[in-house]
Amino acid sequence: MPTKIHKLLLSLAIAAAPFFSHAEESTWDHIKQSGELRVGVAQGEPWYFKDPATGQWNGIGYNVGKVLAKDLGVKLVPVETTWGNAVAALQAGQIDTMLVLDPTDERRKAADFSDQPFLWYAQGVLIRDGVKAESWEDLNRPDIKIGVTLGSSPDLILTKKITQSAAGALYQYG
């Protein structure tokens, strides 16, 4: 038989439950309530690039974001991040999405990605005259410098493949 103390404790537990629940607002709820779609943008043509004269963002990812925001009836808000920090920005609630972010195994552990890519693109390599290379192994030498965008998929892949280049490190920019 419940005593007054049991009833009091039960009432306190029920009253305090909302303060201890960790139900977070969904991304969709946030977009609807704010009227904004916050798209992560990072310098890297053709995906995202910023006009230095106007400060206006453009590119494939930015333009897809514009169409998506228009279809949702909300304002597009570009939020600057980096390729390497994009998933952390998603987790921290700083951005709602980052379009054309490649789904690496590590990124899939922390964020949702579509099962099918919405575009395919080729990777190219520019090599100075005189360098003989038919495979990545041919470029894995101390006298070779390789430039990649920091935090990009090529950076993540080549960091594992190319260990001898430029004193054991890739030249990373961005």
C-alpha atoms as a PDB file:
ATOM      1  CA  MET A   1       0.000   0.000   0.000  1.00  0.00           C
ATOM      2  CA  PRO A   2       1.514   3.308  -1.071  1.00  0.00           C
ATOM      3  CA  THR A   3       2.409   5.666   1.692  1.00  0.00           C
ATOM      4  CA  LYS A   4       2.507   9.449   1.533  1.00  0.00           C
ATOM      5  CA  ILE A   5       6.255   9.326   1.028  1.00  0.00           C
ATOM      6  CA  HIS A   6       5.900   6.917  -1.916  1.00  0.00           C
ATOM      7  CA  LYS A   7       3.311   9.189  -3.500  1.00  0.00           C
ATOM      8  CA  LEU A   8       5.542  12.210  -2.944  1.00  0.00           C
ATOM      9  CA  LEU A   9       8.571  10.484  -4.490  1.00  0.00           C
ATOM     10  CA  LEU A  10       6.516   9.281  -7.451  1.00  0.00           C
ATOM     11  CA  SER A  11       5.118  12.782  -7.992  1.00  0.00           C
ATOM     12  CA  LEU A  12       8.619  14.281  -7.846  1.00  0.00           C
ATOM     13  CA  ALA A  13       9.939  11.700 -10.317  1.00  0.00           C
ATOM     14  CA  ILE A  14       7.139  12.416 -12.787  1.00  0.00           C
ATOM     15  CA  ALA A  15       7.543  16.180 -12.382  1.00  0.00           C
ATOM     16  CA  ALA A  16      11.318  15.987 -12.874  1.00  0.00           C
ATOM     17  CA  ALA A  17      11.221  13.652 -15.893  1.00  0.00           C
ATOM     18  CA  PRO A  18      11.204  16.431 -18.510  1.00  0.00           C
ATOM     19  CA  PHE A  19      14.372  17.906 -16.999  1.00  0.00           C
ATOM     20  CA  PHE A  20      16.225  14.627 -17.344  1.00  0.00           C
ATOM     21  CA  SER A  21      14.990  13.584 -20.753  1.00  0.00           C
ATOM     22  CA  HIS A  22      17.525  13.980 -23.512  1.00  0.00           C
ATOM     23  CA  ALA A  23      15.076  14.113 -26.384  1.00  0.00           C
ATOM     24  CA  GLU A  24      16.748  16.413 -28.866  1.00  0.00           C
ATOM     25  CA  GLU A  25      14.995  18.477 -31.466  1.00  0.00           C
ATOM     26  CA  SER A  26      15.217  16.782 -34.849  1.00  0.00           C
ATOM     27  CA  THR A  27      17.026  18.521 -37.675  1.00  0.00           C
ATOM     28  CA  TRP A  28      13.756  18.793 -39.578  1.00  0.00           C
ATOM     29  CA  ASP A  29      12.022  20.370 -36.560  1.00  0.00           C
ATOM     30  CA  HIS A  30      14.860  22.878 -36.257  1.00  0.00           C
ATOM     31  CA  ILE A  31      14.644  23.772 -39.958  1.00  0.00           C
ATOM     32  CA  LYS A  32      10.867  24.269 -39.748  1.00  0.00           C
ATOM     33  CA  GLN A  33      11.047  26.338 -36.563  1.00  0.00           C
ATOM     34  CA  SER A  34      13.962  28.523 -37.660  1.00  0.00           C
ATOM     35  CA  GLY A  35      12.874  28.876 -41.289  1.00  0.00           C
ATOM     36  CA  GLU A  36      16.489  28.251 -42.281  1.00  0.00           C
ATOM     37  CA  LEU A  37      18.487  25.443 -43.860  1.00  0.00           C
ATOM     38  CA  ARG A  38      22.082  25.725 -42.619  1.00  0.00           C
ATOM     39  CA  VAL A  39      24.333  24.173 -45.253  1.00  0.00           C
ATOM     40  CA  GLY A  40      27.984  23.580 -44.442  1.00  0.00           C
ATOM     41  CA  VAL A  41      30.262  25.104 -47.075  1.00  0.00           C
ATOM     42  CA  ALA A  42      34.009  24.586 -47.497  1.00  0.00           C
ATOM     43  CA  GLN A  43      36.301  26.040 -50.107  1.00  0.00           C
ATOM     44  CA  GLY A  44      36.796  23.450 -52.848  1.00  0.00           C
ATOM     45  CA  GLU A  45      35.761  24.018 -56.450  1.00  0.00           C
ATOM     46  CA  PRO A  46      33.530  22.906 -58.066  1.00  0.00           C
ATOM     47  CA  TRP A  47      31.618  21.879 -54.914  1.00  0.00           C
ATOM     48  CA  TYR A  48      31.803  25.154 -53.024  1.00  0.00           C
ATOM     49  CA  PHE A  49      33.639  28.377 -53.716  1.00  0.00           C
ATOM     50  CA  LYS A  50      33.371  31.905 -52.408  1.00  0.00           C
ATOM     51  CA  ASP A  51      33.695  34.998 -54.590  1.00  0.00           C
ATOM     52  CA  PRO A  52      36.351  37.074 -52.803  1.00  0.00           C
ATOM     53  CA  ALA A  53      34.900  40.324 -54.178  1.00  0.00           C
ATOM     54  CA  THR A  54      31.303  39.756 -53.048  1.00  0.00           C
ATOM     55  CA  GLY A  55      31.593  37.091 -50.352  1.00  0.00           C
ATOM     56  CA  GLN A  56      28.896  35.132 -52.213  1.00  0.00           C
ATOM     57  CA  TRP A  57      29.111  31.335 -52.149  1.00  0.00           C
ATOM     58  CA  ASN A  58      28.557  29.288 -55.290  1.00  0.00           C
ATOM     59  CA  GLY A  59      29.217  25.782 -56.595  1.00  0.00           C
ATOM     60  CA  ILE A  60      27.448  22.472 -57.076  1.00  0.00           C
ATOM     61  CA  GLY A  61      26.787  21.806 -53.385  1.00  0.00           C
ATOM     62  CA  TYR A  62      25.712  25.384 -52.738  1.00  0.00           C
ATOM     63  CA  ASN A  63      23.335  25.369 -55.703  1.00  0.00           C
ATOM     64  CA  VAL A  64      21.777  22.050 -54.634  1.00  0.00           C
ATOM     65  CA  GLY A  65      21.297  23.637 -51.205  1.00  0.00           C
ATOM     66  CA  LYS A  66      19.532  26.624 -52.800  1.00  0.00           C
ATOM     67  CA  VAL A  67      17.106  24.342 -54.633  1.00  0.00           C
ATOM     68  CA  LEU A  68      16.515  22.255 -51.503  1.00  0.00           C
ATOM     69  CA  ALA A  69      15.869  25.348 -49.357  1.00  0.00           C
ATOM     70  CA  LYS A  70      13.492  26.755 -51.967  1.00  0.00           C
ATOM     71  CA  ASP A  71      11.571  23.458 -52.154  1.00  0.00           C
ATOM     72  CA  LEU A  72      11.337  23.371 -48.345  1.00  0.00           C
ATOM     73  CA  GLY A  73      10.169  26.989 -48.251  1.00  0.00           C
ATOM     74  CA  VAL A  74      13.037  28.128 -46.041  1.00  0.00           C
ATOM     75  CA  LYS A  75      16.044  30.443 -46.329  1.00  0.00           C
ATOM     76  CA  LEU A  76      19.448  29.003 -47.260  1.00  0.00           C
ATOM     77  CA  VAL A  77      22.160  29.929 -44.766  1.00  0.00           C
ATOM     78  CA  PRO A  78      25.718  28.954 -45.773  1.00  0.00           C
ATOM     79  CA  VAL A  79      27.855  28.122 -42.724  1.00  0.00           C
ATOM     80  CA  GLU A  80      31.602  27.959 -43.281  1.00  0.00           C
ATOM     81  CA  THR A  81      33.320  24.801 -42.098  1.00  0.00           C
ATOM     82  CA  THR A  82      36.081  22.542 -43.412  1.00  0.00           C
ATOM     83  CA  TRP A  83      35.905  19.134 -45.046  1.00  0.00           C
ATOM     84  CA  GLY A  84      37.635  17.650 -42.010  1.00  0.00           C
ATOM     85  CA  ASN A  85      35.276  19.297 -39.498  1.00  0.00           C
ATOM     86  CA  ALA A  86      31.969  18.872 -41.345  1.00  0.00           C
ATOM     87  CA  VAL A  87      30.778  15.825 -39.379  1.00  0.00           C
ATOM     88  CA  ALA A  88      31.697  17.504 -36.080  1.00  0.00           C
ATOM     89  CA  ALA A  89      29.709  20.573 -37.192  1.00  0.00           C
ATOM     90  CA  LEU A  90      26.721  18.301 -37.905  1.00  0.00           C
ATOM     91  CA  GLN A  91      27.013  16.628 -34.515  1.00  0.00           C
ATOM     92  CA  ALA A  92      27.313  19.992 -32.744  1.00  0.00           C
ATOM     93  CA  GLY A  93      24.178  21.287 -34.470  1.00  0.00           C
ATOM     94  CA  GLN A  94      26.086  24.059 -36.252  1.00  0.00           C
ATOM     95  CA  ILE A  95      24.879  22.896 -39.675  1.00  0.00           C
ATOM     96  CA  ASP A  96      21.875  20.906 -40.868  1.00  0.00           C
ATOM     97  CA  THR A  97      23.598  19.248 -43.827  1.00  0.00           C
ATOM     98  CA  MET A  98      26.706  19.349 -45.970  1.00  0.00           C
ATOM     99  CA  LEU A  99      26.009  18.373 -49.527  1.00  0.00           C
ATOM    100  CA  VAL A 100      28.617  16.499 -51.638  1.00  0.00           C
ATOM    101  CA  LEU A 101      30.430  15.272 -48.527  1.00  0.00           C
ATOM    102  CA  ASP A 102      31.796  11.844 -49.380  1.00  0.00           C
ATOM    103  CA  PRO A 103      30.684   9.025 -47.049  1.00  0.00           C
ATOM    104  CA  THR A 104      33.910   7.486 -45.780  1.00  0.00           C
ATOM    105  CA  ASP A 105      33.794   4.577 -43.330  1.00  0.00           C
ATOM    106  CA  GLU A 106      34.757   6.923 -40.466  1.00  0.00           C
ATOM    107  CA  ARG A 107      32.137   9.503 -41.404  1.00  0.00           C
ATOM    108  CA  ARG A 108      29.439   6.818 -41.650  1.00  0.00           C
ATOM    109  CA  LYS A 109      30.072   5.940 -37.993  1.00  0.00           C
ATOM    110  CA  ALA A 110      29.072   9.456 -36.967  1.00  0.00           C
ATOM    111  CA  ALA A 111      26.553  10.717 -39.545  1.00  0.00           C
ATOM    112  CA  ASP A 112      23.858   9.471 -41.885  1.00  0.00           C
ATOM    113  CA  PHE A 113      24.461   9.385 -45.632  1.00  0.00           C
ATOM    114  CA  SER A 114      22.202   8.398 -48.490  1.00  0.00           C
ATOM    115  CA  ASP A 115      22.650   4.868 -49.773  1.00  0.00           C
ATOM    116  CA  GLN A 116      23.163   6.090 -53.339  1.00  0.00           C
ATOM    117  CA  PRO A 117      25.381   9.006 -54.349  1.00  0.00           C
ATOM    118  CA  PHE A 118      23.609  11.782 -56.198  1.00  0.00           C
ATOM    119  CA  LEU A 119      26.621  12.270 -58.462  1.00  0.00           C
ATOM    120  CA  TRP A 120      29.786  10.527 -59.525  1.00  0.00           C
ATOM    121  CA  TYR A 121      32.985  12.368 -60.286  1.00  0.00           C
ATOM    122  CA  ALA A 122      36.416  11.472 -61.517  1.00  0.00           C
ATOM    123  CA  GLN A 123      39.640  12.192 -59.691  1.00  0.00           C
ATOM    124  CA  GLY A 124      42.559  13.523 -61.667  1.00  0.00           C
ATOM    125  CA  VAL A 125      46.240  13.849 -60.940  1.00  0.00           C
ATOM    126  CA  LEU A 126      48.587  16.439 -62.412  1.00  0.00           C
ATOM    127  CA  ILE A 127      52.184  15.277 -62.582  1.00  0.00           C
ATOM    128  CA  ARG A 128      55.130  17.429 -63.622  1.00  0.00           C
ATOM    129  CA  ASP A 129      57.095  16.462 -66.712  1.00  0.00           C
ATOM    130  CA  GLY A 130      59.673  13.779 -66.170  1.00  0.00           C
ATOM    131  CA  VAL A 131      57.904  11.962 -63.341  1.00  0.00           C
ATOM    132  CA  LYS A 132      57.123   8.397 -64.349  1.00  0.00           C
ATOM    133  CA  ALA A 133      54.027   7.137 -62.577  1.00  0.00           C
ATOM    134  CA  GLU A 134      51.522   4.467 -63.512  1.00  0.00           C
ATOM    135  CA  SER A 135      50.272   3.711 -60.003  1.00  0.00           C
ATOM    136  CA  TRP A 136      50.057   5.306 -56.569  1.00  0.00           C
ATOM    137  CA  GLU A 137      53.033   3.202 -55.508  1.00  0.00           C
ATOM    138  CA  ASP A 138      55.124   5.013 -58.139  1.00  0.00           C
ATOM    139  CA  LEU A 139      54.362   8.299 -56.341  1.00  0.00           C
ATOM    140  CA  ASN A 140      55.187   6.972 -52.885  1.00  0.00           C
ATOM    141  CA  ARG A 141      58.712   8.430 -52.828  1.00  0.00           C
ATOM    142  CA  PRO A 142      60.410  11.079 -50.668  1.00  0.00           C
ATOM    143  CA  ASP A 143      61.119  13.314 -53.688  1.00  0.00           C
ATOM    144  CA  ILE A 144      57.422  13.570 -54.609  1.00  0.00           C
ATOM    145  CA  LYS A 145      55.088  16.185 -53.131  1.00  0.00           C
ATOM    146  CA  ILE A 146      51.349  15.597 -53.380  1.00  0.00           C
ATOM    147  CA  GLY A 147      48.776  18.317 -52.738  1.00  0.00           C
ATOM    148  CA  VAL A 148      45.301  17.506 -51.456  1.00  0.00           C
ATOM    149  CA  THR A 149      42.516  19.418 -49.758  1.00  0.00           C
ATOM    150  CA  LEU A 150      42.763  18.874 -46.005  1.00  0.00           C
ATOM    151  CA  GLY A 151      40.025  16.581 -44.699  1.00  0.00           C
ATOM    152  CA  SER A 152      38.780  15.651 -48.174  1.00  0.00           C
ATOM    153  CA  SER A 153      38.225  12.071 -49.280  1.00  0.00           C
ATOM    154  CA  PRO A 154      41.422  12.107 -51.385  1.00  0.00           C
ATOM    155  CA  ASP A 155      43.294  13.315 -48.293  1.00  0.00           C
ATOM    156  CA  LEU A 156      41.882  10.491 -46.158  1.00  0.00           C
ATOM    157  CA  ILE A 157      42.601   7.846 -48.799  1.00  0.00           C
ATOM    158  CA  LEU A 158      46.055   9.051 -49.832  1.00  0.00           C
ATOM    159  CA  THR A 159      47.244   9.537 -46.260  1.00  0.00           C
ATOM    160  CA  LYS A 160      47.008   5.744 -45.947  1.00  0.00           C
ATOM    161  CA  LYS A 161      48.470   4.957 -49.397  1.00  0.00           C
ATOM    162  CA  ILE A 162      51.273   7.507 -49.650  1.00  0.00           C
ATOM    163  CA  THR A 163      53.588   7.294 -46.650  1.00  0.00           C
ATOM    164  CA  GLN A 164      56.957   8.221 -48.180  1.00  0.00           C
ATOM    165  CA  SER A 165      55.955  11.341 -50.127  1.00  0.00           C
ATOM    166  CA  ALA A 166      57.431  14.684 -48.971  1.00  0.00           C
ATOM    167  CA  ALA A 167      59.132  13.302 -45.872  1.00  0.00           C
ATOM    168  CA  GLY A 168      56.203  11.036 -45.028  1.00  0.00           C
ATOM    169  CA  ALA A 169      53.415  13.614 -45.188  1.00  0.00           C
ATOM    170  CA  LEU A 170      51.057  14.913 -47.811  1.00  0.00           C
ATOM    171  CA  TYR A 171      51.017  18.623 -48.507  1.00  0.00           C
ATOM    172  CA  GLN A 172      47.583  19.604 -47.294  1.00  0.00           C
ATOM    173  CA  TYR A 173      45.853  22.906 -47.901  1.00  0.00           C
ATOM    174  CA  GLY A 174      42.414  24.327 -47.234  1.00  0.00           C
END
